[in-house]
Amino acid sequence: MKKMIKILLIVFMALIAIVFVINHLVKSSTKKQILTEEEASKLEDIDCILVLGAGIWGNRPSHMLEDRLLQAISLYEENVSTKIIMSGDHGREEYDEVNIMKDFAIEKGVPSENIFMDHAGFSTYESIYRAKEIFKAKKIVIVTQKYHLYRALYIANQLGIEAYGVGADPRQYVGQAYRELREIVARDKDFIKCIFKPEPTYLGETIPVNGSGDVTNDK
């Protein structure tokens, strides 16, 4: 019995070590792709700014999502790209991240035709996969909080997208310590997913991001 416990303990410690090695690999391999807004403004030929969903409260974005949207709008105003993709969960009629995201940007002065909605961005992996395959984006700037950027950029790298990231971190968020811990596991999960590169839940017809975002409107 003692020998079995010792073996199980060794296996457990090995698994924990693997988790943290992968976490380090994901972060170290992408940290140079995380830019300031000033650095991002010097990039050329960016196909789009990709905003990853982060939850809504009724008919308004959560604080995290609001900060992502404000950062993306600021990049748009700095001419980093003329197109924005709002990618989020619209898998149910009663839960619609992407229209709320688009409406927020329109209220801030971004023309509707420059805003695309990805209604099937159910995860970070699916959002980035669909940015390439559906919206035909090859060179992008991803906007999310910094802790999340490492994983998003790693996925983009593995899918063959030239990607940069700008963090949206103007304030502290409730529950951030828990998110940081959960993100370690999420990095490992997507590290494995990127080995096999499964298709997302939905694909469909292409919607090139160099056209009009109004073709993604559903209202």
Protein backbone atom coordinates (compact mmCIF):
# COMPACT_ATOMS: atom_id res chain seq x y z
CA MET A 1 0.00 0.00 0.00
CA LYS A 2 2.80 2.42 0.89
CA LYS A 3 4.53 1.66 -2.41
CA MET A 4 1.33 2.37 -4.34
CA ILE A 5 0.86 5.67 -2.52
CA LYS A 6 4.45 6.63 -3.33
CA ILE A 7 3.93 5.81 -7.02
CA LEU A 8 0.70 7.81 -7.14
CA LEU A 9 2.42 10.74 -5.45
CA ILE A 10 5.26 10.65 -7.98
CA VAL A 11 2.78 10.54 -10.87
CA PHE A 12 0.83 13.42 -9.38
CA MET A 13 3.95 15.55 -8.93
CA ALA A 14 5.05 14.76 -12.49
CA LEU A 15 1.68 15.90 -13.84
CA ILE A 16 1.87 19.12 -11.84
CA ALA A 17 5.36 19.73 -13.22
CA ILE A 18 4.13 19.20 -16.79
CA VAL A 19 1.28 21.65 -16.23
CA PHE A 20 3.69 24.37 -15.12
CA VAL A 21 6.26 23.62 -17.83
CA ILE A 22 3.58 24.04 -20.53
CA ASN A 23 2.32 27.20 -18.84
CA HIS A 24 5.84 28.65 -18.93
CA LEU A 25 6.30 27.65 -22.57
CA VAL A 26 3.08 29.35 -23.65
CA LYS A 27 3.94 32.57 -21.81
CA SER A 28 7.62 32.75 -22.76
CA SER A 29 6.97 32.03 -26.44
CA THR A 30 4.46 34.89 -26.85
CA LYS A 31 5.52 37.66 -24.48
CA LYS A 32 7.36 39.58 -27.20
CA GLN A 33 4.14 39.76 -29.23
CA ILE A 34 2.39 41.76 -26.51
CA LEU A 35 2.65 45.43 -27.44
CA THR A 36 1.72 48.81 -26.05
CA GLU A 37 -0.83 50.85 -27.97
CA GLU A 38 1.99 53.07 -29.23
CA GLU A 39 3.91 50.06 -30.53
CA ALA A 40 0.79 48.63 -32.15
CA SER A 41 0.14 51.92 -33.94
CA LYS A 42 3.38 51.38 -35.88
CA LEU A 43 2.27 48.03 -37.32
CA GLU A 44 1.35 47.89 -40.98
CA ASP A 45 -1.20 45.92 -43.02
CA ILE A 46 -3.21 44.65 -40.05
CA ASP A 47 -6.30 42.89 -41.38
CA CYS A 48 -8.36 43.43 -38.26
CA ILE A 49 -8.53 44.01 -34.54
CA LEU A 50 -10.00 40.92 -32.87
CA VAL A 51 -11.93 41.51 -29.63
CA LEU A 52 -12.58 38.39 -27.56
CA GLY A 53 -15.85 38.22 -25.65
CA ALA A 54 -15.89 38.36 -21.85
CA GLY A 55 -19.50 38.18 -20.74
CA ILE A 56 -22.42 40.58 -20.61
CA TRP A 57 -24.68 41.83 -17.86
CA GLY A 58 -28.16 42.12 -19.32
CA ASN A 59 -27.80 44.46 -22.27
CA ARG A 60 -24.37 45.85 -21.42
CA PRO A 61 -20.83 44.48 -21.45
CA SER A 62 -19.12 43.28 -18.28
CA HIS A 63 -16.33 45.47 -16.95
CA MET A 64 -13.70 43.24 -18.54
CA LEU A 65 -15.45 43.29 -21.90
CA GLU A 66 -16.03 47.05 -21.73
CA ASP A 67 -12.31 47.58 -21.23
CA ARG A 68 -11.51 45.32 -24.18
CA LEU A 69 -13.94 47.25 -26.35
CA LEU A 70 -12.57 50.63 -25.32
CA GLN A 71 -9.02 49.49 -26.06
CA ALA A 72 -10.04 48.12 -29.45
CA ILE A 73 -11.83 51.36 -30.32
CA SER A 74 -8.75 53.33 -29.31
CA LEU A 75 -6.61 51.15 -31.62
CA TYR A 76 -9.14 51.67 -34.41
CA GLU A 77 -8.93 55.43 -33.90
CA GLU A 78 -5.13 55.15 -34.06
CA ASN A 79 -5.55 53.53 -37.51
CA VAL A 80 -4.07 50.20 -36.42
CA SER A 81 -6.77 48.63 -38.63
CA THR A 82 -9.95 49.76 -40.31
CA LYS A 83 -11.82 46.59 -39.31
CA ILE A 84 -12.86 45.10 -35.98
CA ILE A 85 -14.16 41.57 -35.34
CA MET A 86 -16.36 41.20 -32.27
CA SER A 87 -16.12 37.51 -31.38
CA GLY A 88 -18.29 36.05 -28.66
CA ASP A 89 -21.06 33.73 -27.62
CA HIS A 90 -24.38 34.06 -29.43
CA GLY A 91 -25.35 30.43 -29.21
CA ARG A 92 -28.71 31.25 -27.63
CA GLU A 93 -31.24 33.88 -28.63
CA GLU A 94 -31.40 35.21 -25.08
CA TYR A 95 -27.61 35.54 -24.74
CA ASP A 96 -26.00 37.77 -27.34
CA GLU A 97 -22.51 39.06 -26.63
CA VAL A 98 -21.69 40.16 -30.15
CA ASN A 99 -24.58 42.54 -30.87
CA ILE A 100 -23.97 44.25 -27.54
CA MET A 101 -20.28 44.53 -28.43
CA LYS A 102 -21.08 45.98 -31.85
CA ASP A 103 -23.68 48.41 -30.51
CA PHE A 104 -21.16 49.66 -27.93
CA ALA A 105 -18.60 50.41 -30.66
CA ILE A 106 -21.18 52.09 -32.89
CA GLU A 107 -22.19 54.35 -29.98
CA LYS A 108 -18.51 55.33 -29.72
CA GLY A 109 -18.44 56.35 -33.38
CA VAL A 110 -17.19 53.25 -35.23
CA PRO A 111 -19.20 52.79 -38.47
CA SER A 112 -21.30 49.64 -38.60
CA GLU A 113 -19.75 48.46 -41.85
CA ASN A 114 -16.33 48.33 -40.19
CA ILE A 115 -17.51 45.99 -37.44
CA PHE A 116 -17.87 42.26 -38.05
CA MET A 117 -19.64 39.94 -35.63
CA ASP A 118 -18.51 36.37 -35.07
CA HIS A 119 -21.63 34.84 -33.55
CA ALA A 120 -19.89 31.49 -32.88
CA GLY A 121 -16.83 32.58 -30.94
CA PHE A 122 -17.58 30.14 -28.13
CA SER A 123 -13.99 29.93 -26.89
CA THR A 124 -10.62 31.58 -27.40
CA TYR A 125 -9.56 28.76 -29.70
CA GLU A 126 -12.74 28.92 -31.79
CA SER A 127 -12.62 32.71 -32.08
CA ILE A 128 -9.08 32.66 -33.47
CA TYR A 129 -9.67 29.63 -35.70
CA ARG A 130 -12.73 31.32 -37.21
CA ALA A 131 -10.88 34.64 -37.62
CA LYS A 132 -8.56 32.81 -40.01
CA GLU A 133 -10.93 30.40 -41.75
CA ILE A 134 -14.18 32.40 -41.90
CA PHE A 135 -12.96 35.99 -41.94
CA LYS A 136 -9.72 35.26 -43.82
CA ALA A 137 -7.61 37.32 -41.42
CA LYS A 138 -3.87 36.66 -41.73
CA LYS A 139 -2.38 39.47 -39.66
CA ILE A 140 -4.26 40.57 -36.57
CA VAL A 141 -4.13 42.45 -33.30
CA ILE A 142 -5.91 40.65 -30.46
CA VAL A 143 -7.41 42.65 -27.61
CA THR A 144 -8.08 41.08 -24.22
CA GLN A 145 -6.64 41.31 -20.72
CA LYS A 146 -2.90 40.59 -20.57
CA TYR A 147 -3.21 37.33 -18.60
CA HIS A 148 -5.39 35.99 -21.44
CA LEU A 149 -3.22 37.31 -24.28
CA TYR A 150 -0.50 34.68 -23.86
CA ARG A 151 -2.90 31.85 -24.65
CA ALA A 152 -4.67 33.73 -27.44
CA LEU A 153 -1.36 34.54 -29.13
CA TYR A 154 -0.08 30.99 -28.72
CA ILE A 155 -3.20 29.66 -30.45
CA ALA A 156 -2.78 32.19 -33.26
CA ASN A 157 0.85 31.17 -33.73
CA GLN A 158 -0.05 27.50 -33.91
CA LEU A 159 -2.80 28.18 -36.44
CA GLY A 160 -0.44 30.11 -38.71
CA ILE A 161 -1.70 33.64 -38.05
CA GLU A 162 0.66 36.57 -37.61
CA ALA A 163 -0.68 38.01 -34.39
CA TYR A 164 0.08 40.74 -31.88
CA GLY A 165 -1.69 41.54 -28.65
CA VAL A 166 -2.62 44.68 -26.75
CA GLY A 167 -3.76 44.28 -23.16
CA ALA A 168 -6.86 45.93 -21.75
CA ASP A 169 -6.03 46.30 -18.06
CA PRO A 170 -7.01 49.76 -16.81
CA ARG A 171 -8.39 48.46 -13.49
CA GLN A 172 -8.50 45.56 -11.06
CA TYR A 173 -11.22 42.93 -11.51
CA VAL A 174 -13.05 41.01 -8.83
CA GLY A 175 -11.97 37.36 -8.80
CA GLN A 176 -8.79 37.95 -10.79
CA ALA A 177 -6.66 35.64 -8.62
CA TYR A 178 -9.01 32.78 -9.46
CA ARG A 179 -8.88 33.64 -13.17
CA GLU A 180 -5.08 33.61 -13.11
CA LEU A 181 -5.08 30.10 -11.62
CA ARG A 182 -7.75 28.85 -14.02
CA GLU A 183 -5.81 30.29 -16.93
CA ILE A 184 -2.84 28.03 -16.16
CA VAL A 185 -5.06 25.01 -16.80
CA ALA A 186 -6.62 26.69 -19.85
CA ARG A 187 -3.17 27.24 -21.37
CA ASP A 188 -2.41 23.55 -20.99
CA LYS A 189 -5.78 22.59 -22.48
CA ASP A 190 -5.29 24.76 -25.56
CA PHE A 191 -1.66 23.68 -25.88
CA ILE A 192 -2.94 20.13 -26.38
CA LYS A 193 -5.78 21.30 -28.62
CA CYS A 194 -3.29 23.08 -30.88
CA ILE A 195 -1.47 19.80 -31.43
CA PHE A 196 -4.58 18.22 -32.96
CA LYS A 197 -6.20 21.43 -34.31
CA PRO A 198 -9.86 20.32 -34.22
CA GLU A 199 -12.41 22.31 -36.20
CA PRO A 200 -14.59 24.70 -34.17
CA THR A 201 -18.25 24.01 -33.41
CA TYR A 202 -19.31 25.86 -36.55
CA LEU A 203 -17.58 26.89 -39.75
CA GLY A 204 -19.62 27.91 -42.80
CA GLU A 205 -19.25 30.31 -45.69
CA THR A 206 -16.34 32.72 -45.70
CA ILE A 207 -16.88 36.39 -44.83
CA PRO A 208 -13.67 38.20 -45.80
CA VAL A 209 -12.84 40.92 -43.33
CA ASN A 210 -11.90 43.30 -46.14
CA GLY A 211 -15.59 43.63 -47.06
CA SER A 212 -18.52 45.09 -45.11
CA GLY A 213 -19.23 43.98 -41.57
CA ASP A 214 -22.95 44.55 -42.15
CA VAL A 215 -23.18 41.12 -43.78
CA THR A 216 -22.83 39.67 -40.27
CA ASN A 217 -25.81 41.62 -38.94
CA ASP A 218 -28.72 39.47 -37.83
CA LYS A 219 -31.07 42.23 -36.68
